C-alpha atoms as a PDB file:
ATOM      1  CA  UNK A   1     147.215 112.535  86.954  1.00  0.00           C
ATOM      2  CA  UNK A   2     149.170 112.369  83.745  1.00  0.00           C
ATOM      3  CA  UNK A   3     149.236 115.047  81.109  1.00  0.00           C
ATOM      4  CA  UNK A   4     147.311 112.762  78.768  1.00  0.00           C
ATOM      5  CA  UNK A   5     144.574 112.275  81.375  1.00  0.00           C
ATOM      6  CA  UNK A   6     144.414 116.028  81.948  1.00  0.00           C
ATOM      7  CA  UNK A   7     143.926 116.598  78.226  1.00  0.00           C
ATOM      8  CA  UNK A   8     141.195 113.963  78.076  1.00  0.00           C
ATOM      9  CA  UNK A   9     139.412 115.439  81.095  1.00  0.00           C
ATOM     10  CA  UNK A  10     139.625 118.931  79.620  1.00  0.00           C
ATOM     11  CA  UNK A  11     138.292 117.656  76.291  1.00  0.00           C
ATOM     12  CA  UNK A  12     135.352 115.900  77.959  1.00  0.00           C
ATOM     13  CA  UNK A  13     134.501 118.991  79.990  1.00  0.00           C
ATOM     14  CA  UNK A  14     134.569 121.123  76.831  1.00  0.00           C
ATOM     15  CA  UNK A  15     132.253 118.672  75.069  1.00  0.00           C
ATOM     16  CA  UNK A  16     129.824 118.693  78.010  1.00  0.00           C
ATOM     17  CA  UNK A  17     129.866 122.478  78.107  1.00  0.00           C
ATOM     18  CA  UNK A  18     129.097 122.620  74.369  1.00  0.00           C
ATOM     19  CA  UNK A  19     126.232 120.141  74.770  1.00  0.00           C
ATOM     20  CA  UNK A  20     124.846 122.205  77.676  1.00  0.00           C
ATOM     21  CA  UNK A  21     124.984 125.389  75.603  1.00  0.00           C
ATOM     22  CA  UNK A  22     123.283 123.729  72.638  1.00  0.00           C
ATOM     23  CA  UNK A  23     120.507 122.312  74.819  1.00  0.00           C
ATOM     24  CA  UNK A  24     119.936 125.694  76.475  1.00  0.00           C
ATOM     25  CA  UNK A  25     119.777 127.383  73.067  1.00  0.00           C
ATOM     26  CA  UNK A  26     117.244 124.855  71.731  1.00  0.00           C
ATOM     27  CA  UNK A  27     115.138 125.094  74.903  1.00  0.00           C
ATOM     28  CA  UNK A  28     115.122 128.892  74.818  1.00  0.00           C
ATOM     29  CA  UNK A  29     114.116 128.917  71.152  1.00  0.00           C
ATOM     30  CA  UNK A  30     111.341 126.370  71.727  1.00  0.00           C
ATOM     31  CA  UNK A  31     110.062 128.131  74.849  1.00  0.00           C
ATOM     32  CA  UNK A  32     109.770 131.406  72.959  1.00  0.00           C
ATOM     33  CA  UNK A  33     107.727 129.914  70.097  1.00  0.00           C
ATOM     34  CA  UNK A  34     104.063 130.815  69.928  1.00  0.00           C
ATOM     35  CA  UNK A  35     101.602 128.196  71.064  1.00  0.00           C
ATOM     36  CA  UNK A  36      99.887 126.493  68.102  1.00  0.00           C
ATOM     37  CA  UNK A  37      96.249 127.495  67.499  1.00  0.00           C
ATOM     38  CA  UNK A  38      94.957 123.976  68.161  1.00  0.00           C
ATOM     39  CA  UNK A  39      96.515 124.040  71.638  1.00  0.00           C
ATOM     40  CA  UNK A  40      95.037 127.472  72.313  1.00  0.00           C
ATOM     41  CA  UNK A  41      91.624 126.133  71.298  1.00  0.00           C
ATOM     42  CA  UNK A  42      91.990 123.108  73.566  1.00  0.00           C
ATOM     43  CA  UNK A  43      93.019 125.294  76.492  1.00  0.00           C
ATOM     44  CA  UNK A  44      90.032 127.555  75.887  1.00  0.00           C
ATOM     45  CA  UNK A  45      87.723 124.522  75.897  1.00  0.00           C
ATOM     46  CA  UNK A  46      89.226 123.262  79.151  1.00  0.00           C
ATOM     47  CA  UNK A  47      88.886 126.671  80.785  1.00  0.00           C
ATOM     48  CA  UNK A  48      85.270 126.887  79.651  1.00  0.00           C
ATOM     49  CA  UNK A  49      84.510 123.477  81.153  1.00  0.00           C
ATOM     50  CA  UNK A  50      86.324 124.349  84.358  1.00  0.00           C
ATOM     51  CA  UNK A  51      84.490 127.647  84.797  1.00  0.00           C
ATOM     52  CA  UNK A  52      81.087 126.157  83.968  1.00  0.00           C
ATOM     53  CA  UNK A  53      80.947 124.754  87.496  1.00  0.00           C
ATOM     54  CA  UNK A  54      80.236 121.177  86.497  1.00  0.00           C
ATOM     55  CA  UNK A  55      80.168 119.145  89.738  1.00  0.00           C
ATOM     56  CA  UNK A  56      82.663 116.326  90.079  1.00  0.00           C
ATOM     57  CA  UNK A  57      84.956 117.600  87.332  1.00  0.00           C
ATOM     58  CA  UNK A  58      87.717 118.738  89.689  1.00  0.00           C
ATOM     59  CA  UNK A  59      87.388 122.426  88.879  1.00  0.00           C
ATOM     60  CA  UNK A  60      85.737 125.480  90.299  1.00  0.00           C
ATOM     61  CA  UNK A  61      86.333 127.171  93.619  1.00  0.00           C
END
């Protein structure tokens, strides 16, 4: 491999590493955000339906 190819490969690897770091940072920030109230309400409604024991709804034990 030529020196020019080595430089290009190194540059591409550095760019990929920077993209990986940025994606991880965005994911971590998003994952740590609080769930919006409307989603909490929807989850509560689904749990209530699931625990009500309605037959044929795919829930319950």
